[in-house]
Amino acid sequence: MPKVSSIDIRKIIFDNFNDTDTRFSNDEILGLLNKMNSYKALDDVLDFEDVMLDMEKSGMLRPIAQNFNTRYYRLWNTLSPATCKACGLATYFAPNEEGKVCPKCSAKM
């Protein structure tokens, strides 16, 4: 099973759910991940639960409901593009997130 990258989940959220009033679930994220060649084999939201929990802890995601393994979220703030000055990776962060580090090289953002 491939390790799900926070970069890919952030891109999905930015492209599809980047509004503080939009509710979305980890099942919807899974459906969008399955459209990517590297994640076609994913079949369970538990395969990337650790990434989603890290996003909750950072202050990016606000959990609003849960039904068994399905978790529903809203953003605390909309995401903005950011580019790492050390490695040049383009990613997305919310302004209120704590501990912003590049997901590729771990440099402070």
PDB file of N, CA and C in Angstrom:
ATOM      1  N   MET A   1       0.838  -1.174   0.000  1.00  0.00           N
ATOM      2  CA  MET A   1       0.000   0.000   0.000  1.00  0.00           C
ATOM      3  C   MET A   1       0.892   1.250   0.000  1.00  0.00           C
ATOM      4  N   PRO A   2       0.678   2.156  -0.921  1.00  0.00           N
ATOM      5  CA  PRO A   2       1.520   3.354  -0.971  1.00  0.00           C
ATOM      6  C   PRO A   2       1.225   4.301   0.198  1.00  0.00           C
ATOM      7  N   LYS A   3       2.255   4.953   0.687  1.00  0.00           N
ATOM      8  CA  LYS A   3       2.105   5.969   1.736  1.00  0.00           C
ATOM      9  C   LYS A   3       1.487   7.204   1.109  1.00  0.00           C
ATOM     10  N   VAL A   4       0.402   7.688   1.688  1.00  0.00           N
ATOM     11  CA  VAL A   4      -0.286   8.856   1.151  1.00  0.00           C
ATOM     12  C   VAL A   4       0.451  10.110   1.588  1.00  0.00           C
ATOM     13  N   SER A   5       0.744  10.960   0.631  1.00  0.00           N
ATOM     14  CA  SER A   5       1.487  12.189   0.877  1.00  0.00           C
ATOM     15  C   SER A   5       0.561  13.318   1.300  1.00  0.00           C
ATOM     16  N   SER A   6       0.976  14.072   2.306  1.00  0.00           N
ATOM     17  CA  SER A   6       0.201  15.241   2.724  1.00  0.00           C
ATOM     18  C   SER A   6       0.150  16.280   1.607  1.00  0.00           C
ATOM     19  N   ILE A   7       1.154  16.279   0.750  1.00  0.00           N
ATOM     20  CA  ILE A   7       1.183  17.205  -0.391  1.00  0.00           C
ATOM     21  C   ILE A   7      -0.028  16.945  -1.293  1.00  0.00           C
ATOM     22  N   ASP A   8      -0.285  15.675  -1.570  1.00  0.00           N
ATOM     23  CA  ASP A   8      -1.406  15.315  -2.444  1.00  0.00           C
ATOM     24  C   ASP A   8      -2.756  15.630  -1.797  1.00  0.00           C
ATOM     25  N   ILE A   9      -2.876  15.378  -0.501  1.00  0.00           N
ATOM     26  CA  ILE A   9      -4.139  15.682   0.185  1.00  0.00           C
ATOM     27  C   ILE A   9      -4.359  17.189   0.242  1.00  0.00           C
ATOM     28  N   ARG A  10      -3.315  17.963   0.510  1.00  0.00           N
ATOM     29  CA  ARG A  10      -3.444  19.428   0.530  1.00  0.00           C
ATOM     30  C   ARG A  10      -3.874  19.950  -0.842  1.00  0.00           C
ATOM     31  N   LYS A  11      -3.324  19.391  -1.908  1.00  0.00           N
ATOM     32  CA  LYS A  11      -3.693  19.803  -3.264  1.00  0.00           C
ATOM     33  C   LYS A  11      -5.161  19.488  -3.542  1.00  0.00           C
ATOM     34  N   ILE A  12      -5.615  18.311  -3.128  1.00  0.00           N
ATOM     35  CA  ILE A  12      -7.015  17.930  -3.307  1.00  0.00           C
ATOM     36  C   ILE A  12      -7.930  18.895  -2.554  1.00  0.00           C
ATOM     37  N   ILE A  13      -7.585  19.196  -1.315  1.00  0.00           N
ATOM     38  CA  ILE A  13      -8.411  20.114  -0.526  1.00  0.00           C
ATOM     39  C   ILE A  13      -8.406  21.504  -1.155  1.00  0.00           C
ATOM     40  N   PHE A  14      -7.249  21.980  -1.581  1.00  0.00           N
ATOM     41  CA  PHE A  14      -7.160  23.301  -2.212  1.00  0.00           C
ATOM     42  C   PHE A  14      -8.020  23.355  -3.478  1.00  0.00           C
ATOM     43  N   ASP A  15      -7.930  22.335  -4.311  1.00  0.00           N
ATOM     44  CA  ASP A  15      -8.646  22.323  -5.592  1.00  0.00           C
ATOM     45  C   ASP A  15     -10.153  22.090  -5.463  1.00  0.00           C
ATOM     46  N   ASN A  16     -10.585  21.390  -4.409  1.00  0.00           N
ATOM     47  CA  ASN A  16     -11.986  20.959  -4.337  1.00  0.00           C
ATOM     48  C   ASN A  16     -12.798  21.483  -3.156  1.00  0.00           C
ATOM     49  N   PHE A  17     -12.134  21.836  -2.058  1.00  0.00           N
ATOM     50  CA  PHE A  17     -12.866  22.171  -0.839  1.00  0.00           C
ATOM     51  C   PHE A  17     -12.333  23.429  -0.148  1.00  0.00           C
ATOM     52  N   ASN A  18     -11.703  24.318  -0.860  1.00  0.00           N
ATOM     53  CA  ASN A  18     -11.009  25.454  -0.249  1.00  0.00           C
ATOM     54  C   ASN A  18     -11.970  26.587   0.111  1.00  0.00           C
ATOM     55  N   ASP A  19     -12.858  26.298   1.051  1.00  0.00           N
ATOM     56  CA  ASP A  19     -13.841  27.268   1.526  1.00  0.00           C
ATOM     57  C   ASP A  19     -14.200  26.875   2.953  1.00  0.00           C
ATOM     58  N   THR A  20     -14.270  27.831   3.852  1.00  0.00           N
ATOM     59  CA  THR A  20     -14.533  27.508   5.255  1.00  0.00           C
ATOM     60  C   THR A  20     -15.966  27.029   5.497  1.00  0.00           C
ATOM     61  N   ASP A  21     -16.868  27.229   4.554  1.00  0.00           N
ATOM     62  CA  ASP A  21     -18.252  26.777   4.701  1.00  0.00           C
ATOM     63  C   ASP A  21     -18.512  25.425   4.039  1.00  0.00           C
ATOM     64  N   THR A  22     -17.527  24.891   3.350  1.00  0.00           N
ATOM     65  CA  THR A  22     -17.687  23.627   2.631  1.00  0.00           C
ATOM     66  C   THR A  22     -17.354  22.453   3.548  1.00  0.00           C
ATOM     67  N   ARG A  23     -18.297  21.544   3.654  1.00  0.00           N
ATOM     68  CA  ARG A  23     -18.083  20.322   4.434  1.00  0.00           C
ATOM     69  C   ARG A  23     -17.586  19.244   3.482  1.00  0.00           C
ATOM     70  N   PHE A  24     -16.604  18.481   3.919  1.00  0.00           N
ATOM     71  CA  PHE A  24     -16.098  17.362   3.121  1.00  0.00           C
ATOM     72  C   PHE A  24     -15.688  16.235   4.050  1.00  0.00           C
ATOM     73  N   SER A  25     -15.556  15.051   3.477  1.00  0.00           N
ATOM     74  CA  SER A  25     -15.235  13.878   4.295  1.00  0.00           C
ATOM     75  C   SER A  25     -13.960  13.196   3.814  1.00  0.00           C
ATOM     76  N   ASN A  26     -13.452  12.338   4.684  1.00  0.00           N
ATOM     77  CA  ASN A  26     -12.293  11.541   4.284  1.00  0.00           C
ATOM     78  C   ASN A  26     -12.665  10.568   3.169  1.00  0.00           C
ATOM     79  N   ASP A  27     -13.951  10.172   3.078  1.00  0.00           N
ATOM     80  CA  ASP A  27     -14.389   9.323   1.961  1.00  0.00           C
ATOM     81  C   ASP A  27     -14.292  10.070   0.632  1.00  0.00           C
ATOM     82  N   GLU A  28     -14.619  11.358   0.630  1.00  0.00           N
ATOM     83  CA  GLU A  28     -14.494  12.160  -0.589  1.00  0.00           C
ATOM     84  C   GLU A  28     -13.024  12.315  -0.978  1.00  0.00           C
ATOM     85  N   ILE A  29     -12.161  12.504   0.023  1.00  0.00           N
ATOM     86  CA  ILE A  29     -10.718  12.577  -0.238  1.00  0.00           C
ATOM     87  C   ILE A  29     -10.246  11.259  -0.849  1.00  0.00           C
ATOM     88  N   LEU A  30     -10.694  10.131  -0.295  1.00  0.00           N
ATOM     89  CA  LEU A  30     -10.322   8.817  -0.824  1.00  0.00           C
ATOM     90  C   LEU A  30     -10.744   8.684  -2.284  1.00  0.00           C
ATOM     91  N   GLY A  31     -11.958   9.104  -2.611  1.00  0.00           N
ATOM     92  CA  GLY A  31     -12.432   9.023  -3.995  1.00  0.00           C
ATOM     93  C   GLY A  31     -11.559   9.822  -4.949  1.00  0.00           C
ATOM     94  N   LEU A  32     -11.118  10.995  -4.505  1.00  0.00           N
ATOM     95  CA  LEU A  32     -10.256  11.823  -5.356  1.00  0.00           C
ATOM     96  C   LEU A  32      -8.837  11.264  -5.425  1.00  0.00           C
ATOM     97  N   LEU A  33      -8.348  10.683  -4.330  1.00  0.00           N
ATOM     98  CA  LEU A  33      -7.034  10.025  -4.357  1.00  0.00           C
ATOM     99  C   LEU A  33      -7.056   8.842  -5.328  1.00  0.00           C
ATOM    100  N   ASN A  34      -8.158   8.090  -5.348  1.00  0.00           N
ATOM    101  CA  ASN A  34      -8.268   6.921  -6.226  1.00  0.00           C
ATOM    102  C   ASN A  34      -8.188   7.275  -7.698  1.00  0.00           C
ATOM    103  N   LYS A  35      -8.431   8.522  -8.051  1.00  0.00           N
ATOM    104  CA  LYS A  35      -8.322   8.963  -9.441  1.00  0.00           C
ATOM    105  C   LYS A  35      -6.865   9.191  -9.855  1.00  0.00           C
ATOM    106  N   MET A  36      -5.961   9.216  -8.861  1.00  0.00           N
ATOM    107  CA  MET A  36      -4.533   9.402  -9.144  1.00  0.00           C
ATOM    108  C   MET A  36      -3.891   8.015  -9.296  1.00  0.00           C
ATOM    109  N   ASN A  37      -3.047   7.856 -10.295  1.00  0.00           N
ATOM    110  CA  ASN A  37      -2.439   6.552 -10.572  1.00  0.00           C
ATOM    111  C   ASN A  37      -1.728   5.952  -9.362  1.00  0.00           C
ATOM    112  N   SER A  38      -1.030   6.775  -8.592  1.00  0.00           N
ATOM    113  CA  SER A  38      -0.247   6.242  -7.476  1.00  0.00           C
ATOM    114  C   SER A  38      -1.107   5.766  -6.309  1.00  0.00           C
ATOM    115  N   TYR A  39      -2.396   6.129  -6.299  1.00  0.00           N
ATOM    116  CA  TYR A  39      -3.260   5.754  -5.179  1.00  0.00           C
ATOM    117  C   TYR A  39      -4.473   4.918  -5.593  1.00  0.00           C
ATOM    118  N   LYS A  40      -4.457   4.350  -6.774  1.00  0.00           N
ATOM    119  CA  LYS A  40      -5.595   3.545  -7.231  1.00  0.00           C
ATOM    120  C   LYS A  40      -5.856   2.333  -6.323  1.00  0.00           C
ATOM    121  N   ALA A  41      -4.825   1.833  -5.661  1.00  0.00           N
ATOM    122  CA  ALA A  41      -4.955   0.645  -4.814  1.00  0.00           C
ATOM    123  C   ALA A  41      -5.537   0.955  -3.433  1.00  0.00           C
ATOM    124  N   LEU A  42      -5.613   2.216  -3.046  1.00  0.00           N
ATOM    125  CA  LEU A  42      -6.174   2.566  -1.739  1.00  0.00           C
ATOM    126  C   LEU A  42      -7.640   2.177  -1.685  1.00  0.00           C
ATOM    127  N   ASP A  43      -8.043   1.558  -0.587  1.00  0.00           N
ATOM    128  CA  ASP A  43      -9.445   1.189  -0.476  1.00  0.00           C
ATOM    129  C   ASP A  43     -10.045   1.512   0.888  1.00  0.00           C
ATOM    130  N   ASP A  44      -9.292   2.185   1.743  1.00  0.00           N
ATOM    131  CA  ASP A  44      -9.789   2.461   3.085  1.00  0.00           C
ATOM    132  C   ASP A  44      -9.270   3.813   3.569  1.00  0.00           C
ATOM    133  N   VAL A  45     -10.151   4.573   4.198  1.00  0.00           N
ATOM    134  CA  VAL A  45      -9.746   5.881   4.724  1.00  0.00           C
ATOM    135  C   VAL A  45      -8.712   5.744   5.837  1.00  0.00           C
ATOM    136  N   LEU A  46      -8.635   4.583   6.449  1.00  0.00           N
ATOM    137  CA  LEU A  46      -7.653   4.367   7.509  1.00  0.00           C
ATOM    138  C   LEU A  46      -6.222   4.360   6.960  1.00  0.00           C
ATOM    139  N   ASP A  47      -6.083   4.182   5.643  1.00  0.00           N
ATOM    140  CA  ASP A  47      -4.753   4.177   5.018  1.00  0.00           C
ATOM    141  C   ASP A  47      -4.083   5.543   5.080  1.00  0.00           C
ATOM    142  N   PHE A  48      -4.850   6.612   5.296  1.00  0.00           N
ATOM    143  CA  PHE A  48      -4.248   7.950   5.389  1.00  0.00           C
ATOM    144  C   PHE A  48      -4.779   8.728   6.598  1.00  0.00           C
ATOM    145  N   GLU A  49      -5.301   7.999   7.566  1.00  0.00           N
ATOM    146  CA  GLU A  49      -5.826   8.633   8.773  1.00  0.00           C
ATOM    147  C   GLU A  49      -4.760   9.441   9.507  1.00  0.00           C
ATOM    148  N   ASP A  50      -3.518   8.945   9.546  1.00  0.00           N
ATOM    149  CA  ASP A  50      -2.439   9.656  10.236  1.00  0.00           C
ATOM    150  C   ASP A  50      -2.184  11.029   9.620  1.00  0.00           C
ATOM    151  N   VAL A  51      -2.289  11.139   8.294  1.00  0.00           N
ATOM    152  CA  VAL A  51      -2.078  12.422   7.613  1.00  0.00           C
ATOM    153  C   VAL A  51      -3.195  13.395   7.981  1.00  0.00           C
ATOM    154  N   MET A  52      -4.427  12.907   7.998  1.00  0.00           N
ATOM    155  CA  MET A  52      -5.567  13.761   8.345  1.00  0.00           C
ATOM    156  C   MET A  52      -5.476  14.215   9.801  1.00  0.00           C
ATOM    157  N   LEU A  53      -5.061  13.328  10.700  1.00  0.00           N
ATOM    158  CA  LEU A  53      -4.911  13.704  12.109  1.00  0.00           C
ATOM    159  C   LEU A  53      -3.834  14.767  12.289  1.00  0.00           C
ATOM    160  N   ASP A  54      -2.736  14.650  11.544  1.00  0.00           N
ATOM    161  CA  ASP A  54      -1.686  15.681  11.594  1.00  0.00           C
ATOM    162  C   ASP A  54      -2.232  17.032  11.127  1.00  0.00           C
ATOM    163  N   MET A  55      -3.090  17.015  10.115  1.00  0.00           N
ATOM    164  CA  MET A  55      -3.689  18.258   9.615  1.00  0.00           C
ATOM    165  C   MET A  55      -4.660  18.854  10.634  1.00  0.00           C
ATOM    166  N   GLU A  56      -5.322  18.001  11.404  1.00  0.00           N
ATOM    167  CA  GLU A  56      -6.173  18.491  12.491  1.00  0.00           C
ATOM    168  C   GLU A  56      -5.318  19.156  13.567  1.00  0.00           C
ATOM    169  N   LYS A  57      -4.241  18.478  13.966  1.00  0.00           N
ATOM    170  CA  LYS A  57      -3.369  18.992  15.028  1.00  0.00           C
ATOM    171  C   LYS A  57      -2.707  20.303  14.647  1.00  0.00           C
ATOM    172  N   SER A  58      -2.410  20.482  13.363  1.00  0.00           N
ATOM    173  CA  SER A  58      -1.736  21.704  12.912  1.00  0.00           C
ATOM    174  C   SER A  58      -2.664  22.913  12.924  1.00  0.00           C
ATOM    175  N   GLY A  59      -3.970  22.668  12.978  1.00  0.00           N
ATOM    176  CA  GLY A  59      -4.928  23.760  12.939  1.00  0.00           C
ATOM    177  C   GLY A  59      -5.510  24.000  11.561  1.00  0.00           C
ATOM    178  N   MET A  60      -5.224  23.131  10.612  1.00  0.00           N
ATOM    179  CA  MET A  60      -5.756  23.293   9.264  1.00  0.00           C
ATOM    180  C   MET A  60      -7.191  22.791   9.162  1.00  0.00           C
ATOM    181  N   LEU A  61      -7.441  21.577   9.670  1.00  0.00           N
ATOM    182  CA  LEU A  61      -8.759  20.955   9.556  1.00  0.00           C
ATOM    183  C   LEU A  61      -9.531  21.049  10.863  1.00  0.00           C
ATOM    184  N   ARG A  62     -10.822  21.256  10.728  1.00  0.00           N
ATOM    185  CA  ARG A  62     -11.733  21.271  11.881  1.00  0.00           C
ATOM    186  C   ARG A  62     -12.664  20.074  11.734  1.00  0.00           C
ATOM    187  N   PRO A  63     -12.516  19.048  12.591  1.00  0.00           N
ATOM    188  CA  PRO A  63     -13.426  17.917  12.512  1.00  0.00           C
ATOM    189  C   PRO A  63     -14.811  18.347  13.017  1.00  0.00           C
ATOM    190  N   ILE A  64     -15.854  18.004  12.272  1.00  0.00           N
ATOM    191  CA  ILE A  64     -17.194  18.439  12.670  1.00  0.00           C
ATOM    192  C   ILE A  64     -18.141  17.286  12.947  1.00  0.00           C
ATOM    193  N   ALA A  65     -17.843  16.085  12.466  1.00  0.00           N
ATOM    194  CA  ALA A  65     -18.704  14.929  12.725  1.00  0.00           C
ATOM    195  C   ALA A  65     -17.958  13.651  12.373  1.00  0.00           C
ATOM    196  N   GLN A  66     -18.460  12.545  12.913  1.00  0.00           N
ATOM    197  CA  GLN A  66     -17.884  11.241  12.593  1.00  0.00           C
ATOM    198  C   GLN A  66     -18.984  10.200  12.608  1.00  0.00           C
ATOM    199  N   ASN A  67     -18.916   9.275  11.654  1.00  0.00           N
ATOM    200  CA  ASN A  67     -19.836   8.156  11.570  1.00  0.00           C
ATOM    201  C   ASN A  67     -18.990   6.929  11.249  1.00  0.00           C
ATOM    202  N   PHE A  68     -18.681   6.134  12.247  1.00  0.00           N
ATOM    203  CA  PHE A  68     -17.758   5.011  12.121  1.00  0.00           C
ATOM    204  C   PHE A  68     -16.418   5.517  11.609  1.00  0.00           C
ATOM    205  N   ASN A  69     -15.951   5.083  10.424  1.00  0.00           N
ATOM    206  CA  ASN A  69     -14.651   5.544   9.917  1.00  0.00           C
ATOM    207  C   ASN A  69     -14.747   6.807   9.079  1.00  0.00           C
ATOM    208  N   THR A  70     -15.952   7.244   8.752  1.00  0.00           N
ATOM    209  CA  THR A  70     -16.114   8.466   7.966  1.00  0.00           C
ATOM    210  C   THR A  70     -16.041   9.670   8.894  1.00  0.00           C
ATOM    211  N   ARG A  71     -15.116  10.575   8.581  1.00  0.00           N
ATOM    212  CA  ARG A  71     -14.977  11.821   9.354  1.00  0.00           C
ATOM    213  C   ARG A  71     -15.286  12.979   8.430  1.00  0.00           C
ATOM    214  N   TYR A  72     -15.999  13.951   8.963  1.00  0.00           N
ATOM    215  CA  TYR A  72     -16.359  15.149   8.210  1.00  0.00           C
ATOM    216  C   TYR A  72     -15.569  16.327   8.737  1.00  0.00           C
ATOM    217  N   TYR A  73     -15.156  17.186   7.810  1.00  0.00           N
ATOM    218  CA  TYR A  73     -14.287  18.311   8.144  1.00  0.00           C
ATOM    219  C   TYR A  73     -14.780  19.608   7.521  1.00  0.00           C
ATOM    220  N   ARG A  74     -14.266  20.685   8.068  1.00  0.00           N
ATOM    221  CA  ARG A  74     -14.298  22.007   7.452  1.00  0.00           C
ATOM    222  C   ARG A  74     -12.924  22.601   7.694  1.00  0.00           C
ATOM    223  N   LEU A  75     -12.567  23.561   6.876  1.00  0.00           N
ATOM    224  CA  LEU A  75     -11.304  24.275   7.075  1.00  0.00           C
ATOM    225  C   LEU A  75     -11.511  25.392   8.085  1.00  0.00           C
ATOM    226  N   TRP A  76     -10.513  25.627   8.926  1.00  0.00           N
ATOM    227  CA  TRP A  76     -10.541  26.794   9.811  1.00  0.00           C
ATOM    228  C   TRP A  76     -10.349  28.064   8.992  1.00  0.00           C
ATOM    229  N   ASN A  77      -9.430  28.011   8.035  1.00  0.00           N
ATOM    230  CA  ASN A  77      -9.145  29.115   7.113  1.00  0.00           C
ATOM    231  C   ASN A  77      -8.873  28.527   5.742  1.00  0.00           C
ATOM    232  N   THR A  78      -9.091  29.318   4.697  1.00  0.00           N
ATOM    233  CA  THR A  78      -8.792  28.818   3.356  1.00  0.00           C
ATOM    234  C   THR A  78      -7.292  28.624   3.193  1.00  0.00           C
ATOM    235  N   LEU A  79      -6.929  27.727   2.306  1.00  0.00           N
ATOM    236  CA  LEU A  79      -5.521  27.443   2.029  1.00  0.00           C
ATOM    237  C   LEU A  79      -4.982  28.430   1.001  1.00  0.00           C
ATOM    238  N   SER A  80      -3.701  28.723   1.135  1.00  0.00           N
ATOM    239  CA  SER A  80      -3.007  29.592   0.187  1.00  0.00           C
ATOM    240  C   SER A  80      -1.785  28.859  -0.341  1.00  0.00           C
ATOM    241  N   PRO A  81      -1.424  29.097  -1.607  1.00  0.00           N
ATOM    242  CA  PRO A  81      -0.210  28.471  -2.138  1.00  0.00           C
ATOM    243  C   PRO A  81       1.035  28.992  -1.411  1.00  0.00           C
ATOM    244  N   ALA A  82       2.002  28.118  -1.243  1.00  0.00           N
ATOM    245  CA  ALA A  82       3.288  28.484  -0.635  1.00  0.00           C
ATOM    246  C   ALA A  82       4.374  27.683  -1.332  1.00  0.00           C
ATOM    247  N   THR A  83       5.525  28.310  -1.491  1.00  0.00           N
ATOM    248  CA  THR A  83       6.656  27.638  -2.118  1.00  0.00           C
ATOM    249  C   THR A  83       7.822  27.594  -1.137  1.00  0.00           C
ATOM    250  N   CYS A  84       8.389  26.423  -0.976  1.00  0.00           N
ATOM    251  CA  CYS A  84       9.527  26.244  -0.079  1.00  0.00           C
ATOM    252  C   CYS A  84      10.747  26.946  -0.669  1.00  0.00           C
ATOM    253  N   LYS A  85      11.392  27.772   0.125  1.00  0.00           N
ATOM    254  CA  LYS A  85      12.586  28.482  -0.349  1.00  0.00           C
ATOM    255  C   LYS A  85      13.802  27.560  -0.428  1.00  0.00           C
ATOM    256  N   ALA A  86      13.774  26.469   0.316  1.00  0.00           N
ATOM    257  CA  ALA A  86      14.914  25.554   0.315  1.00  0.00           C
ATOM    258  C   ALA A  86      14.908  24.596  -0.876  1.00  0.00           C
ATOM    259  N   CYS A  87      13.737  23.996  -1.181  1.00  0.00           N
ATOM    260  CA  CYS A  87      13.715  22.983  -2.244  1.00  0.00           C
ATOM    261  C   CYS A  87      12.811  23.340  -3.421  1.00  0.00           C
ATOM    262  N   GLY A  88      12.012  24.400  -3.283  1.00  0.00           N
ATOM    263  CA  GLY A  88      11.166  24.846  -4.383  1.00  0.00           C
ATOM    264  C   GLY A  88       9.834  24.134  -4.506  1.00  0.00           C
ATOM    265  N   LEU A  89       9.477  23.269  -3.550  1.00  0.00           N
ATOM    266  CA  LEU A  89       8.202  22.555  -3.600  1.00  0.00           C
ATOM    267  C   LEU A  89       7.038  23.524  -3.433  1.00  0.00           C
ATOM    268  N   ALA A  90       6.048  23.398  -4.289  1.00  0.00           N
ATOM    269  CA  ALA A  90       4.819  24.182  -4.167  1.00  0.00           C
ATOM    270  C   ALA A  90       3.813  23.359  -3.378  1.00  0.00           C
ATOM    271  N   THR A  91       3.241  23.949  -2.333  1.00  0.00           N
ATOM    272  CA  THR A  91       2.240  23.274  -1.506  1.00  0.00           C
ATOM    273  C   THR A  91       1.234  24.307  -1.029  1.00  0.00           C
ATOM    274  N   TYR A  92       0.411  23.944  -0.060  1.00  0.00           N
ATOM    275  CA  TYR A  92      -0.674  24.820   0.392  1.00  0.00           C
ATOM    276  C   TYR A  92      -0.764  24.783   1.913  1.00  0.00           C
ATOM    277  N   PHE A  93      -0.914  25.965   2.522  1.00  0.00           N
ATOM    278  CA  PHE A  93      -1.059  26.071   3.962  1.00  0.00           C
ATOM    279  C   PHE A  93      -2.172  27.043   4.309  1.00  0.00           C
ATOM    280  N   ALA A  94      -2.783  26.841   5.473  1.00  0.00           N
ATOM    281  CA  ALA A  94      -3.729  27.804   6.022  1.00  0.00           C
ATOM    282  C   ALA A  94      -2.920  28.799   6.855  1.00  0.00           C
ATOM    283  N   PRO A  95      -3.325  30.061   6.886  1.00  0.00           N
ATOM    284  CA  PRO A  95      -2.551  31.063   7.622  1.00  0.00           C
ATOM    285  C   PRO A  95      -2.429  30.773   9.115  1.00  0.00           C
ATOM    286  N   ASN A  96      -3.392  30.082   9.693  1.00  0.00           N
ATOM    287  CA  ASN A  96      -3.365  29.812  11.130  1.00  0.00           C
ATOM    288  C   ASN A  96      -2.642  28.523  11.514  1.00  0.00           C
ATOM    289  N   GLU A  97      -2.125  27.786  10.556  1.00  0.00           N
ATOM    290  CA  GLU A  97      -1.463  26.518  10.865  1.00  0.00           C
ATOM    291  C   GLU A  97      -0.210  26.737  11.689  1.00  0.00           C
ATOM    292  N   GLU A  98      -0.017  25.854  12.654  1.00  0.00           N
ATOM    293  CA  GLU A  98       1.186  25.896  13.483  1.00  0.00           C
ATOM    294  C   GLU A  98       2.230  24.949  12.910  1.00  0.00           C
ATOM    295  N   GLY A  99       3.494  25.310  13.074  1.00  0.00           N
ATOM    296  CA  GLY A  99       4.580  24.428  12.670  1.00  0.00           C
ATOM    297  C   GLY A  99       4.641  24.166  11.184  1.00  0.00           C
ATOM    298  N   LYS A 100       4.520  25.214  10.377  1.00  0.00           N
ATOM    299  CA  LYS A 100       4.552  25.033   8.919  1.00  0.00           C
ATOM    300  C   LYS A 100       5.954  24.626   8.488  1.00  0.00           C
ATOM    301  N   VAL A 101       6.057  23.408   8.001  1.00  0.00           N
ATOM    302  CA  VAL A 101       7.324  22.906   7.462  1.00  0.00           C
ATOM    303  C   VAL A 101       7.064  22.282   6.108  1.00  0.00           C
ATOM    304  N   CYS A 102       8.049  22.333   5.260  1.00  0.00           N
ATOM    305  CA  CYS A 102       7.944  21.731   3.934  1.00  0.00           C
ATOM    306  C   CYS A 102       7.762  20.221   4.083  1.00  0.00           C
ATOM    307  N   PRO A 103       6.735  19.662   3.434  1.00  0.00           N
ATOM    308  CA  PRO A 103       6.525  18.221   3.534  1.00  0.00           C
ATOM    309  C   PRO A 103       7.604  17.398   2.823  1.00  0.00           C
ATOM    310  N   LYS A 104       8.408  18.034   1.987  1.00  0.00           N
ATOM    311  CA  LYS A 104       9.449  17.321   1.248  1.00  0.00           C
ATOM    312  C   LYS A 104      10.796  17.370   1.966  1.00  0.00           C
ATOM    313  N   CYS A 105      11.245  18.591   2.360  1.00  0.00           N
ATOM    314  CA  CYS A 105      12.593  18.724   2.927  1.00  0.00           C
ATOM    315  C   CYS A 105      12.602  19.134   4.402  1.00  0.00           C
ATOM    316  N   SER A 106      11.431  19.357   4.992  1.00  0.00           N
ATOM    317  CA  SER A 106      11.268  19.729   6.402  1.00  0.00           C
ATOM    318  C   SER A 106      11.814  21.111   6.760  1.00  0.00           C
ATOM    319  N   ALA A 107      12.040  21.959   5.770  1.00  0.00           N
ATOM    320  CA  ALA A 107      12.478  23.334   6.048  1.00  0.00           C
ATOM    321  C   ALA A 107      11.290  24.135   6.564  1.00  0.00           C
ATOM    322  N   LYS A 108      11.561  25.127   7.413  1.00  0.00           N
ATOM    323  CA  LYS A 108      10.494  25.999   7.890  1.00  0.00           C
ATOM    324  C   LYS A 108       9.933  26.799   6.732  1.00  0.00           C
ATOM    325  N   MET A 109       8.617  26.966   6.741  1.00  0.00           N
ATOM    326  CA  MET A 109       7.952  27.730   5.666  1.00  0.00           C
ATOM    327  C   MET A 109       7.498  29.072   6.217  1.00  0.00           C
TER     328      MET A 109
END
